[in-house]
C-alpha cells in the first residue's frame, strides 16, 4: 500500500498536495484566496506543474521524483503517473462517489462511462457489483487494470472496454442490455476511440435519455453524474436530469470538494445522484 493522498493547502490559484511520499503543486484555478500554511510548506514541494497557453505544460522538479508511484485515497490504492496535462491519474473529489459505490452496489449490474483510470469501477466491484468500465482511451483501460492489480482484495468483476461512449451506449440499446446503475463523468470536449467528437452541451442530453432507456424494467435505477464544465452549475445539471427522468425521481445534487488539512474545502465540480423508482 502507498502512503495517503492529502490536500495540504490551496490559494493563489494553486493547490499543495501530498501524493504518497511526494509533495506537489498543481494549478487550482478557482482558489482565489490566500494559502493558510506558511510559505516554507510550499517551498518544500518536490515538483510543480507549470501550465502553458495550450493547456499542456511541464513539471518543474525540485527534487527527483519517479515517473510512477502509488498513493492511497478514498479506500483504494492508486497508481500515480504525472502527465503533460498536470493530471496524476485520479480526481480526488470523487471520493464520496467511491464510498457510495462500495455501500450501494451489491449484486448490481453497473455501467461506468468516461471511466478514466478505473477507481470508480474498482469501488463498484469492491461493493459487489458486476462492472462494465468504458473509456475511449486504450491507455486508460491499461491504467485501470494496473490499478486493479494494486488492490488484490477487490474482485476482478470488471469488463474493460475502449470505445466511444455514444457508439457503445447505442449498441447496448440495440442489444437490450440493462443496468441497475450508470455513472458518468463527461468531459467538456473530447474525441472517441475512432475520433468521434464529444461536446457536452450538445451530446449530454441525448446520452442521459439513452442511459435511462438502459434501466432494468420494474427495478429502481440510479444515475450518478459528475461535471466540471463551465456553465454547468448545480441547478443546470439538476434541471437537465429532471427533464429526462420526470418529477417523481429523487435527485440529490451538491458541490464536489476535496477536504484540506487546514479544515477548509476546495470546491471541485458538481455531483448529482438520481434514483428512479
C-alpha atoms as a PDB file:
ATOM      1  CA  UNK A   1       0.000   0.000   0.000  1.00  0.00           C
ATOM      2  CA  UNK A   2       1.175   3.534  -0.724  1.00  0.00           C
ATOM      3  CA  UNK A   3       1.064   6.442   1.657  1.00  0.00           C
ATOM      4  CA  UNK A   4      -2.054   8.586   1.765  1.00  0.00           C
ATOM      5  CA  UNK A   5      -3.033  11.409  -0.544  1.00  0.00           C
ATOM      6  CA  UNK A   6      -3.623  14.671   1.368  1.00  0.00           C
ATOM      7  CA  UNK A   7      -4.636  18.095   0.080  1.00  0.00           C
ATOM      8  CA  UNK A   8      -2.431  20.182   2.339  1.00  0.00           C
ATOM      9  CA  UNK A   9      -3.437  23.703   1.298  1.00  0.00           C
ATOM     10  CA  UNK A  10      -4.727  25.864  -1.547  1.00  0.00           C
ATOM     11  CA  UNK A  11      -4.592  29.514  -2.571  1.00  0.00           C
ATOM     12  CA  UNK A  12      -3.213  31.925  -5.141  1.00  0.00           C
ATOM     13  CA  UNK A  13      -4.758  29.685  -7.863  1.00  0.00           C
ATOM     14  CA  UNK A  14      -2.688  26.674  -6.762  1.00  0.00           C
ATOM     15  CA  UNK A  15      -3.016  23.606  -4.564  1.00  0.00           C
ATOM     16  CA  UNK A  16      -0.379  21.901  -2.438  1.00  0.00           C
ATOM     17  CA  UNK A  17      -0.789  18.128  -2.318  1.00  0.00           C
ATOM     18  CA  UNK A  18       0.943  15.284  -0.525  1.00  0.00           C
ATOM     19  CA  UNK A  19       0.693  12.421  -3.008  1.00  0.00           C
ATOM     20  CA  UNK A  20       2.105   9.393  -1.252  1.00  0.00           C
ATOM     21  CA  UNK A  21       5.719  10.231  -0.347  1.00  0.00           C
ATOM     22  CA  UNK A  22       5.925  13.266  -2.657  1.00  0.00           C
ATOM     23  CA  UNK A  23       4.709  16.846  -2.285  1.00  0.00           C
ATOM     24  CA  UNK A  24       3.372  18.507  -5.447  1.00  0.00           C
ATOM     25  CA  UNK A  25       1.997  21.888  -6.507  1.00  0.00           C
ATOM     26  CA  UNK A  26      -0.635  21.995  -9.249  1.00  0.00           C
ATOM     27  CA  UNK A  27      -2.994  24.678 -10.602  1.00  0.00           C
ATOM     28  CA  UNK A  28      -6.309  25.275  -8.814  1.00  0.00           C
ATOM     29  CA  UNK A  29      -7.930  27.963 -10.930  1.00  0.00           C
ATOM     30  CA  UNK A  30     -10.783  28.616  -8.505  1.00  0.00           C
ATOM     31  CA  UNK A  31      -8.559  29.069  -5.416  1.00  0.00           C
ATOM     32  CA  UNK A  32      -8.889  32.854  -5.274  1.00  0.00           C
ATOM     33  CA  UNK A  33      -7.995  33.031  -1.574  1.00  0.00           C
ATOM     34  CA  UNK A  34      -4.651  33.152   0.182  1.00  0.00           C
ATOM     35  CA  UNK A  35      -2.880  29.982   1.358  1.00  0.00           C
ATOM     36  CA  UNK A  36      -3.227  29.049   5.015  1.00  0.00           C
ATOM     37  CA  UNK A  37       0.092  27.292   5.500  1.00  0.00           C
ATOM     38  CA  UNK A  38       3.442  29.024   5.802  1.00  0.00           C
ATOM     39  CA  UNK A  39       5.453  29.694   2.606  1.00  0.00           C
ATOM     40  CA  UNK A  40       8.061  27.211   3.847  1.00  0.00           C
ATOM     41  CA  UNK A  41       5.496  24.399   3.465  1.00  0.00           C
ATOM     42  CA  UNK A  42       5.016  25.290  -0.200  1.00  0.00           C
ATOM     43  CA  UNK A  43       8.751  25.665  -0.807  1.00  0.00           C
ATOM     44  CA  UNK A  44       9.215  22.098   0.420  1.00  0.00           C
ATOM     45  CA  UNK A  45       7.364  20.754  -2.656  1.00  0.00           C
ATOM     46  CA  UNK A  46       9.225  18.173  -4.737  1.00  0.00           C
ATOM     47  CA  UNK A  47       7.695  19.310  -8.046  1.00  0.00           C
ATOM     48  CA  UNK A  48       5.320  21.884  -9.533  1.00  0.00           C
ATOM     49  CA  UNK A  49       3.260  21.691 -12.696  1.00  0.00           C
ATOM     50  CA  UNK A  50       3.529  24.847 -14.818  1.00  0.00           C
ATOM     51  CA  UNK A  51       0.696  25.169 -17.335  1.00  0.00           C
ATOM     52  CA  UNK A  52       1.276  26.780 -20.747  1.00  0.00           C
ATOM     53  CA  UNK A  53      -1.198  28.536 -23.054  1.00  0.00           C
ATOM     54  CA  UNK A  54      -2.038  25.302 -24.917  1.00  0.00           C
ATOM     55  CA  UNK A  55      -3.446  23.609 -21.803  1.00  0.00           C
ATOM     56  CA  UNK A  56      -0.418  21.327 -21.592  1.00  0.00           C
ATOM     57  CA  UNK A  57       2.629  22.186 -19.518  1.00  0.00           C
ATOM     58  CA  UNK A  58       5.665  20.764 -17.825  1.00  0.00           C
ATOM     59  CA  UNK A  59       6.778  19.582 -14.423  1.00  0.00           C
ATOM     60  CA  UNK A  60       9.415  21.640 -12.638  1.00  0.00           C
ATOM     61  CA  UNK A  61      11.121  19.023 -10.481  1.00  0.00           C
ATOM     62  CA  UNK A  62      12.894  20.471  -7.477  1.00  0.00           C
ATOM     63  CA  UNK A  63      13.724  17.011  -6.201  1.00  0.00           C
ATOM     64  CA  UNK A  64      13.995  13.757  -8.110  1.00  0.00           C
ATOM     65  CA  UNK A  65      10.626  12.003  -8.270  1.00  0.00           C
ATOM     66  CA  UNK A  66       9.826   8.788 -10.161  1.00  0.00           C
ATOM     67  CA  UNK A  67       7.589   8.529 -13.210  1.00  0.00           C
ATOM     68  CA  UNK A  68       5.254   6.124 -11.394  1.00  0.00           C
ATOM     69  CA  UNK A  69       4.394   5.513  -7.726  1.00  0.00           C
ATOM     70  CA  UNK A  70       1.323   4.739  -5.609  1.00  0.00           C
ATOM     71  CA  UNK A  71      -0.853   6.506  -3.052  1.00  0.00           C
ATOM     72  CA  UNK A  72      -3.979   5.638  -1.069  1.00  0.00           C
ATOM     73  CA  UNK A  73      -7.171   7.683  -1.193  1.00  0.00           C
ATOM     74  CA  UNK A  74     -10.883   7.036  -0.874  1.00  0.00           C
ATOM     75  CA  UNK A  75     -10.410   3.392   0.049  1.00  0.00           C
ATOM     76  CA  UNK A  76      -8.243   2.405  -2.928  1.00  0.00           C
ATOM     77  CA  UNK A  77      -4.569   2.276  -3.816  1.00  0.00           C
ATOM     78  CA  UNK A  78      -3.878   4.303  -6.956  1.00  0.00           C
ATOM     79  CA  UNK A  79      -1.061   4.237  -9.461  1.00  0.00           C
ATOM     80  CA  UNK A  80       0.229   7.805  -9.859  1.00  0.00           C
ATOM     81  CA  UNK A  81       1.684   8.982 -13.186  1.00  0.00           C
ATOM     82  CA  UNK A  82       2.238  12.744 -13.645  1.00  0.00           C
ATOM     83  CA  UNK A  83       1.078  13.679 -17.177  1.00  0.00           C
ATOM     84  CA  UNK A  84       1.727  16.575 -19.543  1.00  0.00           C
ATOM     85  CA  UNK A  85      -1.748  17.894 -18.671  1.00  0.00           C
ATOM     86  CA  UNK A  86      -0.860  18.088 -14.979  1.00  0.00           C
ATOM     87  CA  UNK A  87      -3.100  15.146 -14.145  1.00  0.00           C
ATOM     88  CA  UNK A  88      -1.973  12.339 -11.831  1.00  0.00           C
ATOM     89  CA  UNK A  89      -4.446   9.593 -12.731  1.00  0.00           C
ATOM     90  CA  UNK A  90      -7.245  10.307 -10.258  1.00  0.00           C
ATOM     91  CA  UNK A  91      -9.701  13.020  -9.288  1.00  0.00           C
ATOM     92  CA  UNK A  92      -9.682  13.300  -5.514  1.00  0.00           C
ATOM     93  CA  UNK A  93     -13.121  14.946  -5.332  1.00  0.00           C
ATOM     94  CA  UNK A  94     -14.707  11.632  -6.431  1.00  0.00           C
ATOM     95  CA  UNK A  95     -14.080  10.054  -3.018  1.00  0.00           C
ATOM     96  CA  UNK A  96     -17.695  10.380  -1.876  1.00  0.00           C
ATOM     97  CA  UNK A  97     -18.923   8.606  -5.022  1.00  0.00           C
ATOM     98  CA  UNK A  98     -16.420   5.816  -4.404  1.00  0.00           C
ATOM     99  CA  UNK A  99     -17.786   5.371  -0.879  1.00  0.00           C
ATOM    100  CA  UNK A 100     -21.338   5.327  -2.233  1.00  0.00           C
ATOM    101  CA  UNK A 101     -20.482   2.643  -4.791  1.00  0.00           C
ATOM    102  CA  UNK A 102     -18.958   0.389  -2.146  1.00  0.00           C
ATOM    103  CA  UNK A 103     -22.036   0.736   0.048  1.00  0.00           C
ATOM    104  CA  UNK A 104     -24.844   0.540  -2.529  1.00  0.00           C
ATOM    105  CA  UNK A 105     -23.745  -1.626  -5.484  1.00  0.00           C
ATOM    106  CA  UNK A 106     -24.106  -5.140  -4.086  1.00  0.00           C
ATOM    107  CA  UNK A 107     -25.416  -7.605  -6.680  1.00  0.00           C
ATOM    108  CA  UNK A 108     -25.892  -4.804  -9.245  1.00  0.00           C
ATOM    109  CA  UNK A 109     -25.074  -4.636 -12.925  1.00  0.00           C
ATOM    110  CA  UNK A 110     -23.404  -1.257 -13.352  1.00  0.00           C
ATOM    111  CA  UNK A 111     -22.008   0.775 -16.242  1.00  0.00           C
ATOM    112  CA  UNK A 112     -19.240   3.320 -15.703  1.00  0.00           C
ATOM    113  CA  UNK A 113     -18.904   5.789 -18.615  1.00  0.00           C
ATOM    114  CA  UNK A 114     -15.946   8.123 -19.164  1.00  0.00           C
ATOM    115  CA  UNK A 115     -14.426   5.883 -16.516  1.00  0.00           C
ATOM    116  CA  UNK A 116     -10.835   7.184 -16.718  1.00  0.00           C
ATOM    117  CA  UNK A 117      -8.302   5.145 -14.707  1.00  0.00           C
ATOM    118  CA  UNK A 118     -10.856   2.863 -13.096  1.00  0.00           C
ATOM    119  CA  UNK A 119     -11.008   3.924  -9.454  1.00  0.00           C
ATOM    120  CA  UNK A 120     -14.788   4.281  -9.539  1.00  0.00           C
ATOM    121  CA  UNK A 121     -15.039   0.895 -11.230  1.00  0.00           C
ATOM    122  CA  UNK A 122     -12.816  -0.647  -8.551  1.00  0.00           C
ATOM    123  CA  UNK A 123     -15.081   0.802  -5.859  1.00  0.00           C
ATOM    124  CA  UNK A 124     -18.136  -0.648  -7.612  1.00  0.00           C
ATOM    125  CA  UNK A 125     -16.517  -4.086  -7.787  1.00  0.00           C
ATOM    126  CA  UNK A 126     -15.478  -3.799  -4.138  1.00  0.00           C
ATOM    127  CA  UNK A 127     -19.140  -3.200  -3.307  1.00  0.00           C
ATOM    128  CA  UNK A 128     -20.191  -6.417  -5.014  1.00  0.00           C
ATOM    129  CA  UNK A 129     -21.190  -5.199  -8.479  1.00  0.00           C
ATOM    130  CA  UNK A 130     -20.572  -6.622 -11.929  1.00  0.00           C
ATOM    131  CA  UNK A 131     -18.990  -3.670 -13.717  1.00  0.00           C
ATOM    132  CA  UNK A 132     -18.744  -2.570 -17.332  1.00  0.00           C
ATOM    133  CA  UNK A 133     -15.954   0.027 -17.480  1.00  0.00           C
ATOM    134  CA  UNK A 134     -15.805   2.187 -20.600  1.00  0.00           C
ATOM    135  CA  UNK A 135     -13.297   4.816 -21.687  1.00  0.00           C
ATOM    136  CA  UNK A 136     -12.326   5.973 -25.165  1.00  0.00           C
ATOM    137  CA  UNK A 137      -8.581   5.853 -24.427  1.00  0.00           C
ATOM    138  CA  UNK A 138      -6.934   2.426 -24.520  1.00  0.00           C
ATOM    139  CA  UNK A 139      -4.195   3.770 -22.290  1.00  0.00           C
ATOM    140  CA  UNK A 140      -6.782   4.402 -19.582  1.00  0.00           C
ATOM    141  CA  UNK A 141      -8.008   0.829 -19.861  1.00  0.00           C
ATOM    142  CA  UNK A 142      -4.478  -0.404 -19.178  1.00  0.00           C
ATOM    143  CA  UNK A 143      -4.105   2.073 -16.308  1.00  0.00           C
ATOM    144  CA  UNK A 144      -7.329   0.760 -14.805  1.00  0.00           C
ATOM    145  CA  UNK A 145      -6.066  -2.807 -14.955  1.00  0.00           C
ATOM    146  CA  UNK A 146      -2.836  -1.704 -13.269  1.00  0.00           C
ATOM    147  CA  UNK A 147      -4.887  -0.057 -10.506  1.00  0.00           C
ATOM    148  CA  UNK A 148      -6.851  -3.266 -10.029  1.00  0.00           C
ATOM    149  CA  UNK A 149      -3.580  -5.188  -9.635  1.00  0.00           C
ATOM    150  CA  UNK A 150      -2.637  -2.829  -6.770  1.00  0.00           C
ATOM    151  CA  UNK A 151      -5.840  -3.775  -4.907  1.00  0.00           C
ATOM    152  CA  UNK A 152      -5.830  -7.580  -4.538  1.00  0.00           C
ATOM    153  CA  UNK A 153      -8.805  -7.544  -2.168  1.00  0.00           C
ATOM    154  CA  UNK A 154     -11.095  -6.204  -4.904  1.00  0.00           C
ATOM    155  CA  UNK A 155     -12.774  -8.886  -7.044  1.00  0.00           C
ATOM    156  CA  UNK A 156     -11.897  -8.957 -10.739  1.00  0.00           C
ATOM    157  CA  UNK A 157     -15.522  -8.370 -11.749  1.00  0.00           C
ATOM    158  CA  UNK A 158     -14.815  -5.643 -14.320  1.00  0.00           C
ATOM    159  CA  UNK A 159     -15.263  -5.805 -18.096  1.00  0.00           C
ATOM    160  CA  UNK A 160     -12.834  -3.310 -19.652  1.00  0.00           C
ATOM    161  CA  UNK A 161     -13.914  -1.660 -22.922  1.00  0.00           C
ATOM    162  CA  UNK A 162     -12.218   1.025 -25.039  1.00  0.00           C
ATOM    163  CA  UNK A 163     -14.880   2.669 -27.216  1.00  0.00           C
ATOM    164  CA  UNK A 164     -16.735   5.864 -27.979  1.00  0.00           C
ATOM    165  CA  UNK A 165     -19.436   6.432 -25.346  1.00  0.00           C
ATOM    166  CA  UNK A 166     -22.309   7.248 -27.706  1.00  0.00           C
ATOM    167  CA  UNK A 167     -21.412   4.398 -30.055  1.00  0.00           C
ATOM    168  CA  UNK A 168     -21.232   1.884 -27.202  1.00  0.00           C
ATOM    169  CA  UNK A 169     -24.445   3.028 -25.489  1.00  0.00           C
ATOM    170  CA  UNK A 170     -26.373   2.857 -28.769  1.00  0.00           C
ATOM    171  CA  UNK A 171     -25.064  -0.664 -29.277  1.00  0.00           C
ATOM    172  CA  UNK A 172     -26.192  -1.616 -25.763  1.00  0.00           C
ATOM    173  CA  UNK A 173     -29.663  -0.288 -26.550  1.00  0.00           C
ATOM    174  CA  UNK A 174     -29.863  -2.471 -29.655  1.00  0.00           C
ATOM    175  CA  UNK A 175     -28.723  -5.489 -27.616  1.00  0.00           C
ATOM    176  CA  UNK A 176     -31.377  -4.726 -24.979  1.00  0.00           C
ATOM    177  CA  UNK A 177     -28.699  -4.624 -22.248  1.00  0.00           C
ATOM    178  CA  UNK A 178     -29.938  -3.469 -18.851  1.00  0.00           C
ATOM    179  CA  UNK A 179     -28.273  -1.923 -15.793  1.00  0.00           C
ATOM    180  CA  UNK A 180     -29.130  -1.071 -12.191  1.00  0.00           C
ATOM    181  CA  UNK A 181     -26.748   1.901 -12.006  1.00  0.00           C
ATOM    182  CA  UNK A 182     -24.940   4.071 -14.538  1.00  0.00           C
ATOM    183  CA  UNK A 183     -22.205   6.527 -13.582  1.00  0.00           C
ATOM    184  CA  UNK A 184     -20.775   9.146 -15.918  1.00  0.00           C
ATOM    185  CA  UNK A 185     -18.208  11.912 -15.593  1.00  0.00           C
ATOM    186  CA  UNK A 186     -18.337  13.573 -19.018  1.00  0.00           C
ATOM    187  CA  UNK A 187     -15.637  15.962 -20.223  1.00  0.00           C
ATOM    188  CA  UNK A 188     -16.432  19.330 -21.739  1.00  0.00           C
ATOM    189  CA  UNK A 189     -14.888  18.265 -25.037  1.00  0.00           C
ATOM    190  CA  UNK A 190     -13.300  15.069 -26.265  1.00  0.00           C
ATOM    191  CA  UNK A 191     -12.860  12.530 -29.012  1.00  0.00           C
ATOM    192  CA  UNK A 192     -13.912   8.902 -29.067  1.00  0.00           C
ATOM    193  CA  UNK A 193     -11.780   5.866 -29.823  1.00  0.00           C
ATOM    194  CA  UNK A 194     -12.124   6.488 -33.593  1.00  0.00           C
ATOM    195  CA  UNK A 195     -12.047  10.278 -33.467  1.00  0.00           C
ATOM    196  CA  UNK A 196     -15.759  10.825 -32.782  1.00  0.00           C
ATOM    197  CA  UNK A 197     -16.408  14.313 -31.453  1.00  0.00           C
ATOM    198  CA  UNK A 198     -17.961  14.849 -27.999  1.00  0.00           C
ATOM    199  CA  UNK A 199     -19.367  18.222 -26.894  1.00  0.00           C
ATOM    200  CA  UNK A 200     -21.111  18.186 -23.562  1.00  0.00           C
ATOM    201  CA  UNK A 201     -23.650  20.895 -24.375  1.00  0.00           C
ATOM    202  CA  UNK A 202     -24.975  19.040 -27.427  1.00  0.00           C
ATOM    203  CA  UNK A 203     -24.325  15.380 -26.529  1.00  0.00           C
ATOM    204  CA  UNK A 204     -25.180  15.110 -22.828  1.00  0.00           C
ATOM    205  CA  UNK A 205     -28.992  15.494 -23.116  1.00  0.00           C
ATOM    206  CA  UNK A 206     -29.345  12.538 -25.520  1.00  0.00           C
ATOM    207  CA  UNK A 207     -26.857  10.454 -23.546  1.00  0.00           C
ATOM    208  CA  UNK A 208     -28.941  10.956 -20.396  1.00  0.00           C
ATOM    209  CA  UNK A 209     -32.046   9.770 -22.262  1.00  0.00           C
ATOM    210  CA  UNK A 210     -30.192   6.708 -23.521  1.00  0.00           C
ATOM    211  CA  UNK A 211     -28.910   5.909 -20.023  1.00  0.00           C
ATOM    212  CA  UNK A 212     -32.463   5.957 -18.691  1.00  0.00           C
ATOM    213  CA  UNK A 213     -33.516   3.596 -21.509  1.00  0.00           C
ATOM    214  CA  UNK A 214     -30.905   1.092 -20.249  1.00  0.00           C
ATOM    215  CA  UNK A 215     -32.555   0.718 -16.838  1.00  0.00           C
ATOM    216  CA  UNK A 216     -33.896  -2.655 -15.802  1.00  0.00           C
ATOM    217  CA  UNK A 217     -37.674  -2.935 -16.037  1.00  0.00           C
ATOM    218  CA  UNK A 218     -39.633  -2.514 -12.793  1.00  0.00           C
ATOM    219  CA  UNK A 219     -36.492  -2.023 -10.675  1.00  0.00           C
ATOM    220  CA  UNK A 220     -35.023   1.102  -9.064  1.00  0.00           C
ATOM    221  CA  UNK A 221     -32.368   2.745 -11.207  1.00  0.00           C
ATOM    222  CA  UNK A 222     -29.542   5.028 -10.070  1.00  0.00           C
ATOM    223  CA  UNK A 223     -27.770   7.644 -12.173  1.00  0.00           C
ATOM    224  CA  UNK A 224     -24.556   9.158 -10.780  1.00  0.00           C
ATOM    225  CA  UNK A 225     -23.393  12.208 -12.733  1.00  0.00           C
ATOM    226  CA  UNK A 226     -20.433  14.499 -12.091  1.00  0.00           C
ATOM    227  CA  UNK A 227     -19.395  17.523 -14.090  1.00  0.00           C
ATOM    228  CA  UNK A 228     -16.583  20.086 -14.187  1.00  0.00           C
ATOM    229  CA  UNK A 229     -17.646  22.055 -17.276  1.00  0.00           C
ATOM    230  CA  UNK A 230     -18.006  25.873 -17.134  1.00  0.00           C
ATOM    231  CA  UNK A 231     -21.641  26.934 -17.260  1.00  0.00           C
ATOM    232  CA  UNK A 232     -22.945  23.623 -15.914  1.00  0.00           C
ATOM    233  CA  UNK A 233     -23.992  24.658 -12.433  1.00  0.00           C
ATOM    234  CA  UNK A 234     -25.789  22.563  -9.852  1.00  0.00           C
ATOM    235  CA  UNK A 235     -29.167  23.891 -10.964  1.00  0.00           C
ATOM    236  CA  UNK A 236     -28.366  23.414 -14.650  1.00  0.00           C
ATOM    237  CA  UNK A 237     -27.473  19.741 -14.158  1.00  0.00           C
ATOM    238  CA  UNK A 238     -30.478  19.112 -11.942  1.00  0.00           C
ATOM    239  CA  UNK A 239     -32.815  20.665 -14.497  1.00  0.00           C
ATOM    240  CA  UNK A 240     -31.292  18.668 -17.369  1.00  0.00           C
ATOM    241  CA  UNK A 241     -31.668  15.392 -15.461  1.00  0.00           C
ATOM    242  CA  UNK A 242     -35.180  16.267 -14.285  1.00  0.00           C
ATOM    243  CA  UNK A 243     -36.215  16.855 -17.905  1.00  0.00           C
ATOM    244  CA  UNK A 244     -35.238  13.240 -18.643  1.00  0.00           C
ATOM    245  CA  UNK A 245     -36.430  11.409 -15.523  1.00  0.00           C
ATOM    246  CA  UNK A 246     -39.582  13.391 -14.705  1.00  0.00           C
ATOM    247  CA  UNK A 247     -40.855  14.809 -11.437  1.00  0.00           C
ATOM    248  CA  UNK A 248     -41.108  11.617  -9.389  1.00  0.00           C
ATOM    249  CA  UNK A 249     -37.408  10.727  -9.252  1.00  0.00           C
ATOM    250  CA  UNK A 250     -35.311  11.565  -6.202  1.00  0.00           C
ATOM    251  CA  UNK A 251     -32.398  13.885  -7.043  1.00  0.00           C
ATOM    252  CA  UNK A 252     -29.580  14.992  -4.757  1.00  0.00           C
ATOM    253  CA  UNK A 253     -27.025  17.471  -6.108  1.00  0.00           C
ATOM    254  CA  UNK A 254     -24.223  19.385  -4.433  1.00  0.00           C
ATOM    255  CA  UNK A 255     -20.717  20.705  -4.942  1.00  0.00           C
ATOM    256  CA  UNK A 256     -17.932  18.181  -5.043  1.00  0.00           C
ATOM    257  CA  UNK A 257     -14.882  19.071  -2.975  1.00  0.00           C
ATOM    258  CA  UNK A 258     -11.540  17.908  -1.669  1.00  0.00           C
ATOM    259  CA  UNK A 259     -11.046  18.268   2.111  1.00  0.00           C
ATOM    260  CA  UNK A 260      -7.922  20.177   3.129  1.00  0.00           C
ATOM    261  CA  UNK A 261      -5.654  19.517   6.073  1.00  0.00           C
ATOM    262  CA  UNK A 262      -6.461  23.125   7.073  1.00  0.00           C
ATOM    263  CA  UNK A 263     -10.108  22.196   7.706  1.00  0.00           C
ATOM    264  CA  UNK A 264     -11.267  24.032   4.583  1.00  0.00           C
ATOM    265  CA  UNK A 265     -12.643  22.505   1.388  1.00  0.00           C
ATOM    266  CA  UNK A 266     -11.525  23.027  -2.204  1.00  0.00           C
ATOM    267  CA  UNK A 267     -14.626  23.028  -4.470  1.00  0.00           C
ATOM    268  CA  UNK A 268     -14.136  20.773  -7.481  1.00  0.00           C
ATOM    269  CA  UNK A 269     -17.190  20.459  -9.691  1.00  0.00           C
ATOM    270  CA  UNK A 270     -20.788  19.335  -9.316  1.00  0.00           C
ATOM    271  CA  UNK A 271     -22.053  15.918  -8.268  1.00  0.00           C
ATOM    272  CA  UNK A 272     -25.593  14.606  -8.789  1.00  0.00           C
ATOM    273  CA  UNK A 273     -27.266  11.369  -7.793  1.00  0.00           C
ATOM    274  CA  UNK A 274     -30.687  10.443  -9.136  1.00  0.00           C
ATOM    275  CA  UNK A 275     -32.794   7.442  -8.065  1.00  0.00           C
ATOM    276  CA  UNK A 276     -35.695   6.459 -10.311  1.00  0.00           C
ATOM    277  CA  UNK A 277     -38.198   4.016  -8.777  1.00  0.00           C
END
